[in-house]
Amino acid sequence: MTVGPTLEVRRRPRTTLAAWTVVVALVVGLVFWFVTNPPALATSDEPVVTSAPAGQDIYLAVASGEPDRTLELSGVRVHVTADAPVEVEPLLCLGGAPRVTSDPRAFCDELVKPDGHALGGDDTVVLRVRGEYAGTVTVDRVRLGFREGLRWGDRAAGAPATIAVLGR
């Protein structure tokens, strides 16, 4: 009796390649999702409300740093709606937290532009608002562009603000 060749099931290389491609795509997708989706930042629905005479700078604290997080800021976006022309500039108050003031240097160790600086637990994002004419200014929550360790994102932070610019 002659023994024939043994029956052997061979794996197809295409099936293995397809399976590994799916696994690698899933892992890359999960890593990308993790890196680009850091936890949300603290927000509040209670607006910061104040008034200031026309032609005077007023500083409003709109987003405070969180004690257990350090964010390397890459930008701060501000959306403003106003009845009259107004200047709004985001700044970073290092080592302080004024609520509303016309002199932030009394509350901040240093007042700097936020790009390239770290927002730590003792720091605050403030807005410098100056209107030359009477009107109402509404500012939405700021959006912070940041990096936190390996993670990076662009998230809403803090509270909205309403400022009444008073005529002289």
C-alpha atoms as a PDB file:
ATOM      1  CA  MET A   1       0.000   0.000   0.000  1.00  0.00           C
ATOM      2  CA  THR A   2       1.292   3.387  -0.930  1.00  0.00           C
ATOM      3  CA  VAL A   3       0.936   6.273   1.435  1.00  0.00           C
ATOM      4  CA  GLY A   4      -0.040   9.501  -0.294  1.00  0.00           C
ATOM      5  CA  PRO A   5       0.903  12.996   0.697  1.00  0.00           C
ATOM      6  CA  THR A   6      -0.486  14.201   4.022  1.00  0.00           C
ATOM      7  CA  LEU A   7      -3.278  16.662   4.011  1.00  0.00           C
ATOM      8  CA  GLU A   8      -2.097  19.977   5.309  1.00  0.00           C
ATOM      9  CA  VAL A   9      -4.009  23.209   5.627  1.00  0.00           C
ATOM     10  CA  ARG A  10      -1.786  26.110   4.776  1.00  0.00           C
ATOM     11  CA  ARG A  11      -2.498  29.581   6.002  1.00  0.00           C
ATOM     12  CA  ARG A  12      -2.818  32.088   3.335  1.00  0.00           C
ATOM     13  CA  PRO A  13      -0.330  34.956   3.695  1.00  0.00           C
ATOM     14  CA  ARG A  14      -2.972  37.488   2.680  1.00  0.00           C
ATOM     15  CA  THR A  15      -5.223  36.565   5.585  1.00  0.00           C
ATOM     16  CA  THR A  16      -2.380  36.969   8.084  1.00  0.00           C
ATOM     17  CA  LEU A  17      -1.342  40.269   6.535  1.00  0.00           C
ATOM     18  CA  ALA A  18      -4.922  41.565   6.640  1.00  0.00           C
ATOM     19  CA  ALA A  19      -5.321  40.543  10.290  1.00  0.00           C
ATOM     20  CA  TRP A  20      -2.089  42.284  11.308  1.00  0.00           C
ATOM     21  CA  THR A  21      -3.059  45.382   9.319  1.00  0.00           C
ATOM     22  CA  VAL A  22      -6.338  45.598  11.229  1.00  0.00           C
ATOM     23  CA  VAL A  23      -4.583  45.134  14.590  1.00  0.00           C
ATOM     24  CA  VAL A  24      -1.961  47.796  13.821  1.00  0.00           C
ATOM     25  CA  ALA A  25      -4.653  50.226  12.577  1.00  0.00           C
ATOM     26  CA  LEU A  26      -6.644  49.745  15.794  1.00  0.00           C
ATOM     27  CA  VAL A  27      -3.597  50.332  17.995  1.00  0.00           C
ATOM     28  CA  VAL A  28      -2.573  53.447  16.024  1.00  0.00           C
ATOM     29  CA  GLY A  29      -6.166  54.726  16.195  1.00  0.00           C
ATOM     30  CA  LEU A  30      -6.332  54.224  19.959  1.00  0.00           C
ATOM     31  CA  VAL A  31      -2.972  55.945  20.500  1.00  0.00           C
ATOM     32  CA  PHE A  32      -4.043  58.888  18.293  1.00  0.00           C
ATOM     33  CA  TRP A  33      -7.344  59.172  20.174  1.00  0.00           C
ATOM     34  CA  PHE A  34      -5.555  59.092  23.555  1.00  0.00           C
ATOM     35  CA  VAL A  35      -3.005  61.733  22.552  1.00  0.00           C
ATOM     36  CA  THR A  36      -5.561  64.148  21.059  1.00  0.00           C
ATOM     37  CA  ASN A  37      -8.285  63.819  23.709  1.00  0.00           C
ATOM     38  CA  PRO A  38      -7.042  65.048  27.087  1.00  0.00           C
ATOM     39  CA  PRO A  39      -9.543  65.426  29.926  1.00  0.00           C
ATOM     40  CA  ALA A  40     -11.855  68.437  29.762  1.00  0.00           C
ATOM     41  CA  LEU A  41     -10.870  71.643  31.524  1.00  0.00           C
ATOM     42  CA  ALA A  42     -12.901  73.200  34.341  1.00  0.00           C
ATOM     43  CA  THR A  43     -15.752  75.401  33.148  1.00  0.00           C
ATOM     44  CA  SER A  44     -18.462  77.472  34.793  1.00  0.00           C
ATOM     45  CA  ASP A  45     -21.804  78.775  33.579  1.00  0.00           C
ATOM     46  CA  GLU A  46     -21.707  81.698  36.029  1.00  0.00           C
ATOM     47  CA  PRO A  47     -20.437  84.717  34.042  1.00  0.00           C
ATOM     48  CA  VAL A  48     -17.914  87.239  35.278  1.00  0.00           C
ATOM     49  CA  VAL A  49     -19.857  90.524  35.269  1.00  0.00           C
ATOM     50  CA  THR A  50     -18.307  93.984  35.607  1.00  0.00           C
ATOM     51  CA  SER A  51     -18.306  97.518  34.273  1.00  0.00           C
ATOM     52  CA  ALA A  52     -15.557  99.976  33.388  1.00  0.00           C
ATOM     53  CA  PRO A  53     -15.386 103.549  32.188  1.00  0.00           C
ATOM     54  CA  ALA A  54     -14.628 104.112  28.506  1.00  0.00           C
ATOM     55  CA  GLY A  55     -10.908 104.332  27.802  1.00  0.00           C
ATOM     56  CA  GLN A  56      -9.818 102.345  30.888  1.00  0.00           C
ATOM     57  CA  ASP A  57      -8.353  98.842  30.895  1.00  0.00           C
ATOM     58  CA  ILE A  58     -10.189  96.288  33.017  1.00  0.00           C
ATOM     59  CA  TYR A  59      -8.756  92.816  33.750  1.00  0.00           C
ATOM     60  CA  LEU A  60     -11.063  89.817  34.258  1.00  0.00           C
ATOM     61  CA  ALA A  61     -10.024  86.389  35.490  1.00  0.00           C
ATOM     62  CA  VAL A  62     -11.839  83.928  33.235  1.00  0.00           C
ATOM     63  CA  ALA A  63      -9.962  80.597  33.615  1.00  0.00           C
ATOM     64  CA  SER A  64      -7.972  79.362  36.603  1.00  0.00           C
ATOM     65  CA  GLY A  65      -5.305  76.697  36.554  1.00  0.00           C
ATOM     66  CA  GLU A  66      -6.082  73.345  38.123  1.00  0.00           C
ATOM     67  CA  PRO A  67      -3.952  72.228  41.111  1.00  0.00           C
ATOM     68  CA  ASP A  68      -3.023  68.811  39.701  1.00  0.00           C
ATOM     69  CA  ARG A  69      -2.439  69.854  36.065  1.00  0.00           C
ATOM     70  CA  THR A  70       0.190  71.866  34.203  1.00  0.00           C
ATOM     71  CA  LEU A  71      -0.739  72.938  30.690  1.00  0.00           C
ATOM     72  CA  GLU A  72       1.847  74.211  28.211  1.00  0.00           C
ATOM     73  CA  LEU A  73      -0.209  76.837  26.385  1.00  0.00           C
ATOM     74  CA  SER A  74       0.075  77.237  22.632  1.00  0.00           C
ATOM     75  CA  GLY A  75      -2.732  79.745  22.233  1.00  0.00           C
ATOM     76  CA  VAL A  76      -5.865  81.289  23.676  1.00  0.00           C
ATOM     77  CA  ARG A  77      -8.873  81.972  21.449  1.00  0.00           C
ATOM     78  CA  VAL A  78     -11.440  84.541  22.479  1.00  0.00           C
ATOM     79  CA  HIS A  79     -14.859  85.077  20.874  1.00  0.00           C
ATOM     80  CA  VAL A  80     -16.227  88.557  21.528  1.00  0.00           C
ATOM     81  CA  THR A  81     -19.606  90.139  20.740  1.00  0.00           C
ATOM     82  CA  ALA A  82     -19.768  93.902  21.304  1.00  0.00           C
ATOM     83  CA  ASP A  83     -22.003  96.902  20.569  1.00  0.00           C
ATOM     84  CA  ALA A  84     -18.978  99.134  19.878  1.00  0.00           C
ATOM     85  CA  PRO A  85     -15.313  98.560  18.976  1.00  0.00           C
ATOM     86  CA  VAL A  86     -13.393  96.980  21.839  1.00  0.00           C
ATOM     87  CA  GLU A  87      -9.910  95.561  22.450  1.00  0.00           C
ATOM     88  CA  VAL A  88      -9.718  92.192  24.176  1.00  0.00           C
ATOM     89  CA  GLU A  89      -6.329  90.634  24.896  1.00  0.00           C
ATOM     90  CA  PRO A  90      -5.772  87.318  26.718  1.00  0.00           C
ATOM     91  CA  LEU A  91      -2.936  87.364  29.247  1.00  0.00           C
ATOM     92  CA  LEU A  92      -1.537  84.887  31.766  1.00  0.00           C
ATOM     93  CA  CYS A  93      -1.363  85.941  35.410  1.00  0.00           C
ATOM     94  CA  LEU A  94       1.444  83.871  36.942  1.00  0.00           C
ATOM     95  CA  GLY A  95       1.143  83.258  40.664  1.00  0.00           C
ATOM     96  CA  GLY A  96      -2.148  85.019  41.198  1.00  0.00           C
ATOM     97  CA  ALA A  97      -5.871  85.117  40.637  1.00  0.00           C
ATOM     98  CA  PRO A  98      -7.544  88.513  40.439  1.00  0.00           C
ATOM     99  CA  ARG A  99     -11.309  88.329  39.840  1.00  0.00           C
ATOM    100  CA  VAL A 100     -11.812  91.819  38.383  1.00  0.00           C
ATOM    101  CA  THR A 101      -9.299  94.652  38.672  1.00  0.00           C
ATOM    102  CA  SER A 102      -7.868  97.659  36.898  1.00  0.00           C
ATOM    103  CA  ASP A 103      -4.373  96.890  38.282  1.00  0.00           C
ATOM    104  CA  PRO A 104      -3.484  93.187  37.885  1.00  0.00           C
ATOM    105  CA  ARG A 105       0.119  93.683  38.999  1.00  0.00           C
ATOM    106  CA  ALA A 106      -1.135  93.936  42.580  1.00  0.00           C
ATOM    107  CA  PHE A 107      -2.428  90.330  42.278  1.00  0.00           C
ATOM    108  CA  CYS A 108       0.008  88.684  39.840  1.00  0.00           C
ATOM    109  CA  ASP A 109       3.697  87.902  40.276  1.00  0.00           C
ATOM    110  CA  GLU A 110       4.036  88.362  36.529  1.00  0.00           C
ATOM    111  CA  LEU A 111       1.629  89.196  33.687  1.00  0.00           C
ATOM    112  CA  VAL A 112       2.655  87.686  30.317  1.00  0.00           C
ATOM    113  CA  LYS A 113       1.284  86.695  26.936  1.00  0.00           C
ATOM    114  CA  PRO A 114       0.085  83.077  27.301  1.00  0.00           C
ATOM    115  CA  ASP A 115       1.751  81.485  24.245  1.00  0.00           C
ATOM    116  CA  GLY A 116       4.671  79.297  25.297  1.00  0.00           C
ATOM    117  CA  HIS A 117       4.030  79.583  29.037  1.00  0.00           C
ATOM    118  CA  ALA A 118       2.694  77.000  31.475  1.00  0.00           C
ATOM    119  CA  LEU A 119      -0.684  77.359  33.184  1.00  0.00           C
ATOM    120  CA  GLY A 120      -0.237  75.832  36.631  1.00  0.00           C
ATOM    121  CA  GLY A 121      -2.458  75.548  39.678  1.00  0.00           C
ATOM    122  CA  ASP A 122      -1.605  79.050  40.961  1.00  0.00           C
ATOM    123  CA  ASP A 123      -2.053  80.788  37.597  1.00  0.00           C
ATOM    124  CA  THR A 124      -5.022  82.401  35.852  1.00  0.00           C
ATOM    125  CA  VAL A 125      -5.945  83.377  32.308  1.00  0.00           C
ATOM    126  CA  VAL A 126      -7.148  86.980  32.375  1.00  0.00           C
ATOM    127  CA  LEU A 127      -8.628  89.189  29.679  1.00  0.00           C
ATOM    128  CA  ARG A 128      -7.614  92.811  29.268  1.00  0.00           C
ATOM    129  CA  VAL A 129     -10.685  94.631  27.965  1.00  0.00           C
ATOM    130  CA  ARG A 130     -10.687  98.242  26.775  1.00  0.00           C
ATOM    131  CA  GLY A 131     -13.547 100.038  25.087  1.00  0.00           C
ATOM    132  CA  GLU A 132     -13.374 103.630  23.887  1.00  0.00           C
ATOM    133  CA  TYR A 133     -17.156 103.963  23.536  1.00  0.00           C
ATOM    134  CA  ALA A 134     -20.097 103.010  25.730  1.00  0.00           C
ATOM    135  CA  GLY A 135     -21.608  99.611  25.057  1.00  0.00           C
ATOM    136  CA  THR A 136     -21.916  96.023  26.199  1.00  0.00           C
ATOM    137  CA  VAL A 137     -19.249  93.394  25.619  1.00  0.00           C
ATOM    138  CA  THR A 138     -19.981  89.674  25.842  1.00  0.00           C
ATOM    139  CA  VAL A 139     -17.100  87.196  25.870  1.00  0.00           C
ATOM    140  CA  ASP A 140     -17.642  83.448  25.487  1.00  0.00           C
ATOM    141  CA  ARG A 141     -15.516  80.965  27.409  1.00  0.00           C
ATOM    142  CA  VAL A 142     -11.927  81.067  26.197  1.00  0.00           C
ATOM    143  CA  ARG A 143     -10.520  78.118  24.260  1.00  0.00           C
ATOM    144  CA  LEU A 144      -7.073  77.006  25.338  1.00  0.00           C
ATOM    145  CA  GLY A 145      -4.694  75.286  22.961  1.00  0.00           C
ATOM    146  CA  PHE A 146      -2.340  73.245  25.133  1.00  0.00           C
ATOM    147  CA  ARG A 147      -0.076  70.272  25.623  1.00  0.00           C
ATOM    148  CA  GLU A 148      -0.149  68.210  28.815  1.00  0.00           C
ATOM    149  CA  GLY A 149       2.588  65.598  28.812  1.00  0.00           C
ATOM    150  CA  LEU A 150       2.044  63.463  25.704  1.00  0.00           C
ATOM    151  CA  ARG A 151      -1.489  64.739  25.240  1.00  0.00           C
ATOM    152  CA  TRP A 152      -2.546  67.882  23.407  1.00  0.00           C
ATOM    153  CA  GLY A 153      -5.821  69.544  22.632  1.00  0.00           C
ATOM    154  CA  ASP A 154      -7.985  72.623  22.261  1.00  0.00           C
ATOM    155  CA  ARG A 155     -10.663  72.893  24.951  1.00  0.00           C
ATOM    156  CA  ALA A 156     -13.101  75.445  26.359  1.00  0.00           C
ATOM    157  CA  ALA A 157     -12.145  76.662  29.829  1.00  0.00           C
ATOM    158  CA  GLY A 158     -13.363  78.988  32.529  1.00  0.00           C
ATOM    159  CA  ALA A 159     -16.389  81.238  32.532  1.00  0.00           C
ATOM    160  CA  PRO A 160     -18.021  83.635  30.089  1.00  0.00           C
ATOM    161  CA  ALA A 161     -17.903  87.368  30.815  1.00  0.00           C
ATOM    162  CA  THR A 162     -20.122  90.412  30.390  1.00  0.00           C
ATOM    163  CA  ILE A 163     -18.634  93.901  30.571  1.00  0.00           C
ATOM    164  CA  ALA A 164     -20.546  97.182  30.470  1.00  0.00           C
ATOM    165  CA  VAL A 165     -18.361  99.963  29.080  1.00  0.00           C
ATOM    166  CA  LEU A 166     -19.681 103.171  30.604  1.00  0.00           C
ATOM    167  CA  GLY A 167     -19.680 106.482  28.732  1.00  0.00           C
ATOM    168  CA  ARG A 168     -17.932 109.498  30.176  1.00  0.00           C
END
